[in-house]
């Protein structure tokens, strides 16, 4: 049976992103290292945005049930 890749932890991704920004702002990285950090930062930003979008969708599902809070299954986009 195939395993699904575990979703990255939002808080950890955000912490990693903050550390990358601090490294970039230090001005002590070479151009190649700066580009590698930037690329990783873009990936982390997209992961965080996806996590937030999924959370927002789940909240919408919960709130749009005849005005009552009802839990409903949520399948994130593939």
N, C-alpha and C. Protein backbone atom coordinates (compact mmCIF):
# COMPACT_ATOMS: atom_id res chain seq x y z
N UNK A 1 0.85 -1.18 0.00
CA UNK A 1 0.00 0.00 0.00
C UNK A 1 0.90 1.24 0.00
N UNK A 2 0.59 2.20 -0.85
CA UNK A 2 1.40 3.41 -0.96
C UNK A 2 1.12 4.33 0.21
N UNK A 3 2.18 4.95 0.71
CA UNK A 3 2.04 5.88 1.82
C UNK A 3 1.91 7.30 1.27
N UNK A 4 1.06 8.08 1.93
CA UNK A 4 0.96 9.49 1.58
C UNK A 4 2.08 10.24 2.29
N UNK A 5 2.65 11.22 1.60
CA UNK A 5 3.68 12.04 2.22
C UNK A 5 3.03 12.88 3.31
N UNK A 6 3.63 12.87 4.48
CA UNK A 6 3.09 13.64 5.59
C UNK A 6 3.20 15.14 5.28
N UNK A 7 2.14 15.86 5.58
CA UNK A 7 2.14 17.30 5.36
C UNK A 7 3.16 17.95 6.30
N UNK A 8 3.92 18.90 5.76
CA UNK A 8 4.89 19.56 6.63
C UNK A 8 4.20 20.33 7.73
N UNK A 9 4.82 20.38 8.88
CA UNK A 9 4.28 21.09 10.03
C UNK A 9 4.31 22.60 9.73
N UNK A 10 3.16 23.26 9.83
CA UNK A 10 3.05 24.67 9.50
C UNK A 10 3.99 25.52 10.34
N UNK A 11 3.99 25.28 11.64
CA UNK A 11 4.82 26.08 12.53
C UNK A 11 6.30 25.90 12.24
N UNK A 12 6.70 24.67 11.93
CA UNK A 12 8.11 24.42 11.61
C UNK A 12 8.49 25.09 10.29
N UNK A 13 7.60 25.02 9.31
CA UNK A 13 7.87 25.68 8.03
C UNK A 13 8.00 27.19 8.22
N UNK A 14 7.16 27.75 9.06
CA UNK A 14 7.20 29.19 9.32
C UNK A 14 8.50 29.57 10.03
N UNK A 15 8.93 28.75 10.99
CA UNK A 15 10.20 28.99 11.69
C UNK A 15 11.37 28.90 10.72
N UNK A 16 11.36 27.88 9.87
CA UNK A 16 12.42 27.72 8.87
C UNK A 16 12.47 28.93 7.93
N UNK A 17 11.30 29.40 7.54
CA UNK A 17 11.22 30.56 6.66
C UNK A 17 11.80 31.80 7.34
N UNK A 18 11.47 31.99 8.60
CA UNK A 18 12.00 33.13 9.34
C UNK A 18 13.53 33.08 9.43
N UNK A 19 14.08 31.89 9.67
CA UNK A 19 15.53 31.73 9.73
C UNK A 19 16.18 32.03 8.38
N UNK A 20 15.53 31.60 7.29
CA UNK A 20 16.05 31.90 5.96
C UNK A 20 16.08 33.40 5.70
N UNK A 21 15.03 34.08 6.09
CA UNK A 21 14.96 35.53 5.90
C UNK A 21 16.09 36.21 6.68
N UNK A 22 16.32 35.77 7.90
CA UNK A 22 17.39 36.35 8.71
C UNK A 22 18.76 36.14 8.05
N UNK A 23 18.98 34.94 7.49
CA UNK A 23 20.25 34.67 6.81
C UNK A 23 20.40 35.56 5.58
N UNK A 24 19.31 35.71 4.83
CA UNK A 24 19.38 36.56 3.64
C UNK A 24 19.61 38.02 4.00
N UNK A 25 18.97 38.48 5.06
CA UNK A 25 19.11 39.87 5.47
C UNK A 25 20.48 40.17 6.06
N UNK A 26 21.19 39.14 6.49
CA UNK A 26 22.51 39.37 7.07
C UNK A 26 23.49 39.92 6.03
N UNK A 27 23.25 39.59 4.76
CA UNK A 27 24.10 40.08 3.69
C UNK A 27 25.44 39.37 3.60
N UNK A 28 25.59 38.28 4.33
CA UNK A 28 26.87 37.58 4.37
C UNK A 28 26.91 36.34 3.47
N UNK A 29 25.85 36.07 2.75
CA UNK A 29 25.80 34.89 1.89
C UNK A 29 26.33 35.22 0.50
N UNK A 30 26.91 34.22 -0.14
CA UNK A 30 27.31 34.38 -1.53
C UNK A 30 26.05 34.44 -2.40
N UNK A 31 26.25 34.82 -3.64
CA UNK A 31 25.12 34.88 -4.56
C UNK A 31 24.46 33.52 -4.70
N UNK A 32 25.27 32.47 -4.85
CA UNK A 32 24.72 31.12 -5.01
C UNK A 32 23.96 30.67 -3.77
N UNK A 33 24.52 30.96 -2.58
CA UNK A 33 23.83 30.60 -1.34
C UNK A 33 22.54 31.40 -1.18
N UNK A 34 22.59 32.68 -1.56
CA UNK A 34 21.40 33.52 -1.49
C UNK A 34 20.30 32.98 -2.39
N UNK A 35 20.66 32.57 -3.60
CA UNK A 35 19.67 32.02 -4.52
C UNK A 35 19.09 30.70 -4.00
N UNK A 36 19.95 29.87 -3.40
CA UNK A 36 19.46 28.60 -2.84
C UNK A 36 18.50 28.88 -1.68
N UNK A 37 18.83 29.84 -0.83
CA UNK A 37 17.94 30.20 0.28
C UNK A 37 16.63 30.77 -0.24
N UNK A 38 16.72 31.61 -1.27
CA UNK A 38 15.51 32.18 -1.86
C UNK A 38 14.61 31.10 -2.41
N UNK A 39 15.20 30.14 -3.12
CA UNK A 39 14.43 29.03 -3.68
C UNK A 39 13.74 28.22 -2.59
N UNK A 40 14.48 27.93 -1.52
CA UNK A 40 13.90 27.20 -0.40
C UNK A 40 12.79 28.02 0.27
N UNK A 41 13.01 29.32 0.37
CA UNK A 41 12.00 30.20 0.96
C UNK A 41 10.71 30.21 0.16
N UNK A 42 10.82 30.20 -1.16
CA UNK A 42 9.63 30.15 -2.02
C UNK A 42 8.87 28.85 -1.76
N UNK A 43 9.60 27.73 -1.67
CA UNK A 43 8.96 26.44 -1.41
C UNK A 43 8.25 26.45 -0.05
N UNK A 44 8.92 26.98 0.97
CA UNK A 44 8.31 27.03 2.30
C UNK A 44 7.09 27.95 2.31
N UNK A 45 7.17 29.06 1.60
CA UNK A 45 6.04 29.99 1.53
C UNK A 45 4.83 29.30 0.90
N UNK A 46 5.06 28.55 -0.16
CA UNK A 46 3.96 27.83 -0.82
C UNK A 46 3.36 26.77 0.09
N UNK A 47 4.21 26.08 0.85
CA UNK A 47 3.70 25.08 1.80
C UNK A 47 2.83 25.74 2.87
N UNK A 48 3.29 26.88 3.38
CA UNK A 48 2.51 27.60 4.40
C UNK A 48 1.18 28.09 3.82
N UNK A 49 1.22 28.63 2.61
CA UNK A 49 -0.01 29.10 1.98
C UNK A 49 -0.99 27.96 1.75
N UNK A 50 -0.49 26.80 1.36
CA UNK A 50 -1.36 25.65 1.16
C UNK A 50 -1.99 25.21 2.48
N UNK A 51 -1.21 25.19 3.54
CA UNK A 51 -1.74 24.82 4.86
C UNK A 51 -2.83 25.79 5.30
N UNK A 52 -2.58 27.07 5.10
CA UNK A 52 -3.57 28.08 5.49
C UNK A 52 -4.84 27.96 4.64
N UNK A 53 -4.69 27.69 3.37
CA UNK A 53 -5.86 27.53 2.49
C UNK A 53 -6.70 26.33 2.91
N UNK A 54 -6.03 25.23 3.27
CA UNK A 54 -6.76 24.05 3.72
C UNK A 54 -7.50 24.32 5.02
N UNK A 55 -6.84 25.04 5.94
CA UNK A 55 -7.49 25.38 7.20
C UNK A 55 -8.69 26.29 6.96
N UNK A 56 -8.55 27.26 6.07
CA UNK A 56 -9.65 28.16 5.75
C UNK A 56 -10.83 27.39 5.14
N UNK A 57 -10.54 26.45 4.26
CA UNK A 57 -11.60 25.66 3.64
C UNK A 57 -12.34 24.82 4.68
N UNK A 58 -11.59 24.26 5.61
CA UNK A 58 -12.22 23.45 6.66
C UNK A 58 -13.13 24.32 7.52
N UNK A 59 -12.69 25.52 7.85
CA UNK A 59 -13.52 26.45 8.63
C UNK A 59 -14.79 26.79 7.86
N UNK A 60 -14.66 27.04 6.56
CA UNK A 60 -15.84 27.35 5.74
C UNK A 60 -16.83 26.18 5.74
N UNK A 61 -16.31 24.97 5.62
CA UNK A 61 -17.18 23.78 5.65
C UNK A 61 -17.92 23.72 6.98
N UNK A 62 -17.22 23.98 8.07
CA UNK A 62 -17.84 23.91 9.39
C UNK A 62 -18.90 24.99 9.58
N UNK A 63 -18.68 26.17 9.04
CA UNK A 63 -19.59 27.29 9.27
C UNK A 63 -20.77 27.34 8.31
N UNK A 64 -20.70 26.68 7.19
CA UNK A 64 -21.76 26.79 6.19
C UNK A 64 -22.75 25.63 6.24
N UNK A 65 -23.00 25.10 7.38
CA UNK A 65 -23.95 23.99 7.56
C UNK A 65 -25.22 24.49 8.25
N UNK A 66 -26.11 25.12 7.51
CA UNK A 66 -27.39 25.60 8.04
C UNK A 66 -27.20 26.47 9.27
N UNK A 67 -26.14 27.22 9.32
CA UNK A 67 -25.89 28.11 10.44
C UNK A 67 -25.44 27.42 11.70
N UNK A 68 -25.29 26.11 11.66
CA UNK A 68 -24.84 25.36 12.83
C UNK A 68 -23.46 24.80 12.57
N UNK A 69 -22.67 24.74 13.63
CA UNK A 69 -21.35 24.15 13.49
C UNK A 69 -21.48 22.64 13.45
N UNK A 70 -21.15 22.07 12.32
CA UNK A 70 -21.18 20.63 12.14
C UNK A 70 -19.90 20.22 11.46
N UNK A 71 -19.28 19.19 11.97
CA UNK A 71 -18.06 18.69 11.35
C UNK A 71 -18.40 17.93 10.09
N UNK A 72 -17.57 18.08 9.07
CA UNK A 72 -17.77 17.37 7.80
C UNK A 72 -16.40 16.91 7.32
N UNK A 73 -16.34 15.78 6.64
CA UNK A 73 -15.06 15.33 6.12
C UNK A 73 -14.50 16.33 5.10
N UNK A 74 -13.22 16.49 5.13
CA UNK A 74 -12.56 17.41 4.21
C UNK A 74 -11.40 16.70 3.55
N UNK A 75 -11.43 16.68 2.25
CA UNK A 75 -10.34 16.08 1.49
C UNK A 75 -9.55 17.20 0.85
N UNK A 76 -8.28 17.39 1.26
CA UNK A 76 -7.48 18.45 0.65
C UNK A 76 -7.22 18.14 -0.82
N UNK A 77 -6.99 19.19 -1.62
CA UNK A 77 -6.72 18.97 -3.04
C UNK A 77 -5.46 18.13 -3.22
N UNK A 78 -5.45 17.32 -4.26
CA UNK A 78 -4.30 16.44 -4.51
C UNK A 78 -3.09 17.21 -4.95
